[in-house]
Protein backbone atom coordinates (compact mmCIF):
# COMPACT_ATOMS: atom_id res chain seq x y z
CA UNK A 1 153.00 -48.52 136.84
CA UNK A 2 151.79 -51.85 138.19
CA UNK A 3 153.28 -55.09 136.92
CA UNK A 4 152.47 -56.36 133.45
CA UNK A 5 149.91 -59.09 133.06
CA UNK A 6 151.23 -62.45 134.15
CA UNK A 7 151.38 -65.41 131.81
CA UNK A 8 148.89 -68.29 131.86
CA UNK A 9 148.70 -70.07 135.19
CA UNK A 10 147.96 -73.82 135.37
CA UNK A 11 145.05 -74.95 137.52
CA UNK A 12 145.94 -76.29 140.97
CA UNK A 13 146.27 -80.05 141.51
CA UNK A 14 142.98 -81.84 142.29
CA UNK A 15 143.86 -82.22 145.97
CA UNK A 16 145.17 -78.71 146.35
CA UNK A 17 143.42 -75.39 146.96
CA UNK A 18 141.56 -73.71 144.14
CA UNK A 19 141.80 -70.21 142.77
CA UNK A 20 139.65 -67.58 141.17
CA UNK A 21 139.17 -67.37 137.42
CA UNK A 22 139.51 -63.62 137.34
CA UNK A 23 137.07 -60.77 137.03
CA UNK A 24 135.81 -58.27 134.51
CA UNK A 25 137.31 -54.82 134.81
CA UNK A 26 135.69 -53.12 137.81
CA UNK A 27 133.59 -50.05 137.19
CA UNK A 28 134.71 -46.82 138.86
CA UNK A 29 133.35 -46.39 142.36
CA UNK A 30 130.91 -43.53 142.02
CA UNK A 31 131.69 -41.58 145.17
CA UNK A 32 135.16 -40.61 146.27
CA UNK A 33 136.33 -40.12 149.79
CA UNK A 34 138.82 -38.07 151.73
CA UNK A 35 139.60 -40.00 154.91
CA UNK A 36 142.54 -39.72 157.21
CA UNK A 37 144.70 -42.77 157.10
CA UNK A 38 145.77 -44.57 160.24
CA UNK A 39 148.87 -46.80 160.32
CA UNK A 40 149.98 -49.91 162.05
CA UNK A 41 150.17 -50.51 165.80
CA UNK A 42 153.36 -49.71 167.77
CA UNK A 43 154.59 -48.05 164.69
CA UNK A 44 152.58 -47.11 161.75
CA UNK A 45 152.32 -44.35 159.35
CA UNK A 46 149.75 -43.68 156.74
CA UNK A 47 147.06 -41.41 155.50
CA UNK A 48 145.57 -41.69 152.12
CA UNK A 49 144.38 -40.21 148.96
CA UNK A 50 142.12 -41.88 146.47
CA UNK A 51 143.47 -42.35 143.00
CA UNK A 52 141.27 -43.08 140.01
CA UNK A 53 142.11 -46.62 138.99
CA UNK A 54 141.33 -48.64 135.90
CA UNK A 55 141.69 -52.32 135.33
CA UNK A 56 142.34 -53.19 131.67
CA UNK A 57 143.26 -56.01 129.43
CA UNK A 58 141.41 -58.93 130.93
CA UNK A 59 142.30 -62.09 129.07
CA UNK A 60 140.80 -65.53 129.67
CA UNK A 61 143.55 -68.13 130.04
CA UNK A 62 143.43 -71.73 131.26
CA UNK A 63 140.53 -71.60 133.68
CA UNK A 64 141.60 -68.19 134.92
CA UNK A 65 141.63 -64.58 133.83
CA UNK A 66 144.79 -62.55 134.02
CA UNK A 67 144.44 -58.80 134.09
CA UNK A 68 146.89 -56.12 133.12
CA UNK A 69 146.49 -53.23 135.51
CA UNK A 70 146.97 -49.56 134.89
CA UNK A 71 146.99 -46.82 137.49
CA UNK A 72 145.72 -43.47 136.40
CA UNK A 73 146.48 -40.23 138.14
CA UNK A 74 144.28 -39.55 141.14
CA UNK A 75 143.20 -36.65 143.20
CA UNK A 76 140.97 -37.52 146.10
CA UNK A 77 142.34 -38.34 149.52
CA UNK A 78 141.33 -41.59 151.15
CA UNK A 79 142.38 -44.05 153.74
CA UNK A 80 141.57 -46.41 156.57
CA UNK A 81 144.35 -48.81 157.12
CA UNK A 82 145.18 -51.12 159.85
CA UNK A 83 148.41 -52.05 161.36
CA UNK A 84 150.47 -54.73 162.81
CA UNK A 85 151.23 -54.37 166.43
CA UNK A 86 153.30 -56.32 168.80
CA UNK A 87 155.48 -56.09 171.82
CA UNK A 88 158.95 -55.26 170.61
CA UNK A 89 160.44 -58.48 171.88
CA UNK A 90 159.28 -59.88 168.59
CA UNK A 91 158.48 -57.06 166.20
CA UNK A 92 156.47 -53.96 165.76
CA UNK A 93 155.15 -53.01 162.37
CA UNK A 94 152.72 -50.99 160.43
CA UNK A 95 150.64 -51.40 157.37
CA UNK A 96 150.88 -50.13 153.84
CA UNK A 97 150.80 -51.32 150.34
CA UNK A 98 153.19 -51.18 147.47
CA UNK A 99 152.97 -51.33 143.72
CA UNK A 100 155.15 -50.69 140.70
CA UNK A 101 156.40 -53.52 138.56
CA UNK A 102 156.58 -56.52 140.81
CA UNK A 103 159.33 -59.00 140.52
CA UNK A 104 158.31 -61.73 142.92
CA UNK A 105 160.88 -64.17 141.63
CA UNK A 106 163.98 -62.01 141.92
CA UNK A 107 165.88 -61.93 145.17
CA UNK A 108 167.34 -58.69 146.38
CA UNK A 109 166.06 -58.36 149.90
CA UNK A 110 168.05 -57.62 152.99
CA UNK A 111 165.48 -59.75 154.79
CA UNK A 112 166.51 -62.85 152.91
CA UNK A 113 170.23 -62.47 153.56
CA UNK A 114 170.32 -65.04 156.32
CA UNK A 115 167.95 -67.74 157.39
CA UNK A 116 166.49 -68.08 160.85
CA UNK A 117 165.30 -71.16 162.63
CA UNK A 118 162.11 -71.43 164.58
CA UNK A 119 162.20 -69.98 168.05
CA UNK A 120 161.26 -73.37 169.45
CA UNK A 121 164.70 -74.62 168.42
CA UNK A 122 166.25 -72.22 170.92
CA UNK A 123 164.45 -73.63 173.91
CA UNK A 124 166.18 -76.13 176.15
CA UNK A 125 165.01 -79.69 175.72
CA UNK A 126 163.66 -81.34 178.82
CA UNK A 127 162.68 -84.89 178.08
CA UNK A 128 160.63 -85.30 181.21
CA UNK A 129 158.45 -82.20 180.80
CA UNK A 130 158.49 -81.05 177.17
CA UNK A 131 155.40 -82.41 175.39
CA UNK A 132 155.75 -83.76 171.89
CA UNK A 133 154.06 -81.42 169.43
CA UNK A 134 152.04 -83.14 166.77
CA UNK A 135 150.49 -81.74 163.62
CA UNK A 136 151.61 -78.86 161.39
CA UNK A 137 154.11 -76.38 162.77
CA UNK A 138 154.98 -72.87 161.67
CA UNK A 139 158.27 -72.34 159.85
CA UNK A 140 160.26 -69.21 160.70
CA UNK A 141 161.20 -68.28 157.16
CA UNK A 142 160.40 -65.41 154.81
CA UNK A 143 160.77 -65.79 151.03
CA UNK A 144 161.30 -69.54 151.32
CA UNK A 145 158.35 -70.11 153.63
CA UNK A 146 156.23 -73.18 152.69
CA UNK A 147 153.38 -70.77 151.94
CA UNK A 148 155.18 -69.82 148.71
CA UNK A 149 156.46 -73.24 147.68
CA UNK A 150 153.74 -73.96 145.09
CA UNK A 151 153.51 -71.54 142.17
CA UNK A 152 149.88 -72.37 141.37
CA UNK A 153 148.41 -72.26 144.87
CA UNK A 154 145.79 -69.59 145.56
CA UNK A 155 142.65 -69.21 147.65
CA UNK A 156 139.65 -71.37 146.86
CA UNK A 157 136.53 -69.60 145.68
CA UNK A 158 134.42 -70.07 148.80
CA UNK A 159 131.10 -68.19 148.77
CA UNK A 160 130.93 -65.70 151.65
CA UNK A 161 127.83 -65.12 153.69
CA UNK A 162 128.36 -61.73 155.25
CA UNK A 163 126.17 -60.15 157.85
CA UNK A 164 124.52 -56.99 156.56
CA UNK A 165 126.67 -53.89 157.01
CA UNK A 166 125.32 -51.03 159.09
CA UNK A 167 127.18 -48.39 161.06
CA UNK A 168 125.96 -49.21 164.59
CA UNK A 169 128.42 -51.12 166.81
CA UNK A 170 126.39 -54.35 166.95
CA UNK A 171 126.09 -54.55 163.18
CA UNK A 172 129.78 -53.75 162.72
CA UNK A 173 130.71 -56.54 165.14
CA UNK A 174 128.50 -59.04 163.28
CA UNK A 175 129.83 -57.94 159.88
CA UNK A 176 133.47 -58.35 160.85
CA UNK A 177 132.83 -61.66 162.60
CA UNK A 178 131.11 -63.03 159.51
CA UNK A 179 134.03 -61.74 157.44
CA UNK A 180 136.45 -63.66 159.64
CA UNK A 181 134.34 -66.79 159.11
CA UNK A 182 134.78 -66.40 155.36
CA UNK A 183 138.51 -65.68 155.68
CA UNK A 184 138.83 -68.76 157.91
CA UNK A 185 137.14 -70.93 155.29
CA UNK A 186 139.64 -69.88 152.61
CA UNK A 187 142.88 -69.64 154.56
CA UNK A 188 142.36 -72.80 156.61
CA UNK A 189 142.27 -74.81 153.38
CA UNK A 190 145.37 -73.07 152.09
CA UNK A 191 147.42 -73.53 155.24
CA UNK A 192 146.39 -77.17 155.49
CA UNK A 193 147.44 -77.73 151.89
CA UNK A 194 150.98 -76.53 152.65
CA UNK A 195 151.15 -78.27 156.04
CA UNK A 196 151.08 -75.12 158.17
CA UNK A 197 148.99 -74.71 161.35
CA UNK A 198 145.67 -72.88 161.45
CA UNK A 199 143.59 -71.20 164.12
CA UNK A 200 141.00 -68.45 163.87
CA UNK A 201 141.93 -65.04 165.26
CA UNK A 202 140.02 -63.26 168.00
CA UNK A 203 138.09 -60.10 167.12
CA UNK A 204 137.58 -56.98 169.19
CA UNK A 205 135.31 -54.12 168.08
CA UNK A 206 135.36 -51.62 170.95
CA UNK A 207 134.03 -48.09 170.73
CA UNK A 208 137.61 -46.90 171.28
CA UNK A 209 140.87 -48.28 172.63
CA UNK A 210 143.51 -47.17 175.12
CA UNK A 211 147.22 -47.81 175.47
CA UNK A 212 146.69 -50.19 178.39
CA UNK A 213 143.77 -52.14 176.97
CA UNK A 214 145.79 -54.52 174.76
CA UNK A 215 149.16 -56.32 174.99
CA UNK A 216 150.22 -54.34 171.93
CA UNK A 217 149.29 -50.87 173.07
CA UNK A 218 146.73 -48.68 171.34
CA UNK A 219 147.87 -48.96 167.74
CA UNK A 220 149.06 -45.39 167.46
CA UNK A 221 151.53 -44.44 164.76
CA UNK A 222 153.17 -41.47 163.16
CA UNK A 223 150.04 -40.80 161.15
CA UNK A 224 147.50 -41.42 163.84
CA UNK A 225 145.71 -44.49 165.10
CA UNK A 226 144.12 -47.30 163.13
CA UNK A 227 142.80 -50.85 163.30
CA UNK A 228 145.57 -53.37 163.96
CA UNK A 229 146.47 -57.00 164.55
CA UNK A 230 148.13 -57.93 167.83
CA UNK A 231 150.15 -61.17 167.52
CA UNK A 232 150.63 -61.41 171.26
CA UNK A 233 147.00 -62.45 171.77
CA UNK A 234 146.10 -63.21 168.12
CA UNK A 235 143.46 -60.50 168.07
CA UNK A 236 142.27 -58.19 165.31
CA UNK A 237 141.24 -54.83 166.79
CA UNK A 238 138.73 -52.80 164.77
CA UNK A 239 137.76 -49.87 167.02
CA UNK A 240 134.64 -48.03 165.93
CA UNK A 241 136.42 -44.67 166.03
CA UNK A 242 139.17 -45.89 163.66
CA UNK A 243 137.39 -47.57 160.77
CA UNK A 244 136.45 -44.27 159.10
CA UNK A 245 132.71 -44.63 159.06
CA UNK A 246 132.49 -40.91 158.31
CA UNK A 247 134.43 -41.59 155.12
CA UNK A 248 133.09 -44.90 153.86
CA UNK A 249 129.54 -44.74 155.16
CA UNK A 250 127.43 -47.68 154.00
CA UNK A 251 129.93 -49.05 151.47
CA UNK A 252 131.16 -52.38 152.92
CA UNK A 253 134.05 -53.00 150.49
CA UNK A 254 136.66 -50.76 152.18
CA UNK A 255 135.89 -52.19 155.64
CA UNK A 256 136.18 -55.76 154.37
CA UNK A 257 139.53 -55.04 152.71
CA UNK A 258 140.89 -53.58 155.97
CA UNK A 259 139.75 -56.68 157.86
CA UNK A 260 141.37 -58.90 155.20
CA UNK A 261 144.62 -56.93 155.53
CA UNK A 262 144.71 -57.47 159.29
CA UNK A 263 143.83 -61.12 158.77
CA UNK A 264 146.81 -61.27 156.42
CA UNK A 265 149.01 -60.44 159.40
CA UNK A 266 147.39 -63.33 161.24
CA UNK A 267 148.35 -65.61 158.35
CA UNK A 268 151.91 -64.30 158.58
CA UNK A 269 151.93 -65.18 162.29
CA UNK A 270 150.53 -68.69 161.73
CA UNK A 271 153.00 -69.48 158.95
CA UNK A 272 156.11 -68.34 160.85
CA UNK A 273 156.72 -65.31 158.62
CA UNK A 274 156.14 -62.95 161.54
CA UNK A 275 158.73 -64.69 163.69
CA UNK A 276 161.39 -64.59 160.99
CA UNK A 277 160.53 -60.96 160.25
CA UNK A 278 160.79 -60.02 163.92
CA UNK A 279 164.23 -61.60 164.24
CA UNK A 280 165.59 -59.92 161.12
CA UNK A 281 164.16 -56.52 161.90
CA UNK A 282 165.50 -56.67 165.44
CA UNK A 283 168.97 -57.54 164.12
CA UNK A 284 168.81 -54.79 161.49
CA UNK A 285 167.41 -52.14 163.82
CA UNK A 286 163.75 -51.19 163.58
CA UNK A 287 164.39 -47.68 162.23
CA UNK A 288 167.42 -48.48 160.07
CA UNK A 289 167.05 -48.45 156.29
CA UNK A 290 167.07 -52.27 156.25
CA UNK A 291 164.59 -52.45 159.13
CA UNK A 292 162.16 -50.06 157.49
CA UNK A 293 162.36 -51.99 154.21
CA UNK A 294 161.49 -55.18 156.08
CA UNK A 295 158.48 -53.38 157.57
CA UNK A 296 157.34 -52.31 154.10
CA UNK A 297 157.65 -55.87 152.81
CA UNK A 298 155.55 -57.10 155.73
CA UNK A 299 152.80 -54.56 155.16
CA UNK A 300 152.69 -54.82 151.40
CA UNK A 301 152.37 -58.58 151.67
CA UNK A 302 149.33 -58.20 153.94
CA UNK A 303 147.93 -55.84 151.33
CA UNK A 304 148.45 -58.43 148.62
CA UNK A 305 146.77 -61.10 150.78
CA UNK A 306 143.81 -58.77 151.24
CA UNK A 307 143.48 -58.43 147.48
CA UNK A 308 143.67 -62.22 147.05
CA UNK A 309 140.74 -62.69 149.41
CA UNK A 310 138.48 -60.05 147.84
CA UNK A 311 139.34 -61.24 144.34
CA UNK A 312 138.63 -64.88 145.09
CA UNK A 313 135.46 -64.19 147.09
CA UNK A 314 134.05 -61.93 144.37
CA UNK A 315 133.76 -64.79 141.87
CA UNK A 316 132.16 -67.23 144.30
CA UNK A 317 128.54 -66.18 144.09
CA UNK A 318 128.24 -65.08 147.73
CA UNK A 319 127.90 -61.74 149.51
CA UNK A 320 131.12 -60.32 148.06
CA UNK A 321 129.64 -59.20 144.75
CA UNK A 322 131.23 -56.99 142.12
CA UNK A 323 130.03 -53.83 143.87
CA UNK A 324 131.79 -54.79 147.09
CA UNK A 325 134.89 -55.76 145.10
CA UNK A 326 134.88 -52.47 143.17
CA UNK A 327 134.53 -50.47 146.39
CA UNK A 328 137.53 -52.26 147.85
CA UNK A 329 139.47 -51.87 144.60
CA UNK A 330 139.10 -48.09 144.76
CA UNK A 331 139.89 -47.77 148.46
CA UNK A 332 143.58 -48.70 148.55
CA UNK A 333 145.34 -45.36 148.13
CA UNK A 334 147.34 -45.02 151.34
CA UNK A 335 150.91 -45.27 152.48
CA UNK A 336 154.03 -43.37 153.38
CA UNK A 337 153.14 -40.48 151.09
CA UNK A 338 150.83 -39.32 153.87
CA UNK A 339 153.08 -39.97 156.85
CA UNK A 340 153.28 -37.06 159.28
CA UNK A 341 156.87 -37.71 160.29
CA UNK A 342 158.36 -38.93 157.00
CA UNK A 343 158.95 -42.47 158.22
CA UNK A 344 158.86 -44.93 155.33
CA UNK A 345 157.62 -48.15 156.92
CA UNK A 346 154.51 -48.84 154.80
CA UNK A 347 155.45 -48.18 151.19
CA UNK A 348 154.26 -45.54 148.77
CA UNK A 349 150.60 -45.02 147.98
CA UNK A 350 151.30 -46.26 144.46
CA UNK A 351 152.75 -49.49 145.83
CA UNK A 352 149.86 -49.91 148.25
CA UNK A 353 147.42 -49.79 145.38
CA UNK A 354 149.42 -52.01 143.08
CA UNK A 355 150.17 -54.82 145.54
CA UNK A 356 146.50 -55.05 146.51
CA UNK A 357 145.46 -55.17 142.86
CA UNK A 358 148.21 -57.66 142.09
CA UNK A 359 146.83 -60.04 144.72
CA UNK A 360 143.26 -59.51 143.55
CA UNK A 361 143.99 -60.25 139.90
CA UNK A 362 146.45 -63.14 140.26
CA UNK A 363 145.25 -64.96 143.40
CA UNK A 364 148.53 -66.80 143.88
CA UNK A 365 150.48 -66.96 147.16
CA UNK A 366 153.75 -66.85 145.30
CA UNK A 367 152.73 -63.61 143.58
CA UNK A 368 152.50 -62.03 147.06
CA UNK A 369 156.04 -63.04 148.03
CA UNK A 370 157.30 -59.53 148.73
CA UNK A 371 160.39 -60.95 150.46
CA UNK A 372 161.89 -61.93 147.12
CA UNK A 373 160.90 -58.75 145.30
CA UNK A 374 163.39 -56.08 144.27
CA UNK A 375 163.82 -53.19 146.70
CA UNK A 376 162.33 -50.82 144.13
CA UNK A 377 159.06 -52.74 144.22
CA UNK A 378 158.63 -52.23 147.95
CA UNK A 379 159.80 -48.64 148.25
């Protein structure tokens, strides 16, 4: 089961970022899908199944609504995930989501066992040539990253103006680019508020993609190929043949949630989370039990960030209306349950669903701190 409803959350300080008040329980998405799930770049694994989901117990509290979530048994298969890809000198990951009862304040993570400094501290100082960096800098930390320092910080409710969704390549490109504009508007405010750097990611929407066409390969994984984020060139790749148009058709919610998941990996890169993750996973061994758990934490956090964005945008009066939100809500059943080689680097389907819903209904950075969650919550 997903986590119980959280207690009342105070509003953010006047100068800080805002957050969403919450949402009425979404109505079931009429049509169900049976897509094939694609995992994260260099290493991913996922394929999904749609589970019937119900959101219950919405209670208005202090300017916000807190929802208790219940997962009901499901039957239909569904998927369309994206992944995190990178050259292995830093890290190579995949994407998935995790649920169960979250415990974002406990600390039992192999990834938090030792701290790492920023990579810049390892470079040799040369007074005559090294320029002085000004402005915010990323911090190579995980659970204690500045992104999670304020308990009441969440994404502001910025109205989105999305380009109309259609399944031709030009329309898909415009839709995703407009989605990135909306994600930029929310996350730039957040990162500025916690003194972390910001830049917009690049977007690529090719008809298909090959192993040699990106610095991060083609995004293939144990379950197939999917959209992915490449930190080497800060680019989100959303190939037309991987976004499951045959599954989702003209329902924009699932596509937007995939984009928001990949953008979540961009936020991890900007904040320094990706660097700290890469160091720890390299030390642990990518395919060791500890390394795979780190991968699941990385992916489930991106899932939670995706939920935060859709939840906040859906109460802002823009293009992300309740229909789009409900479509996204019902499109999160994916994960290691559907891996073709048994590798557990994304988290269970149940956890994928629950972490996304947790982000959507709490809209708090700290509630997405998977690095401090118990191992059982990211299994």
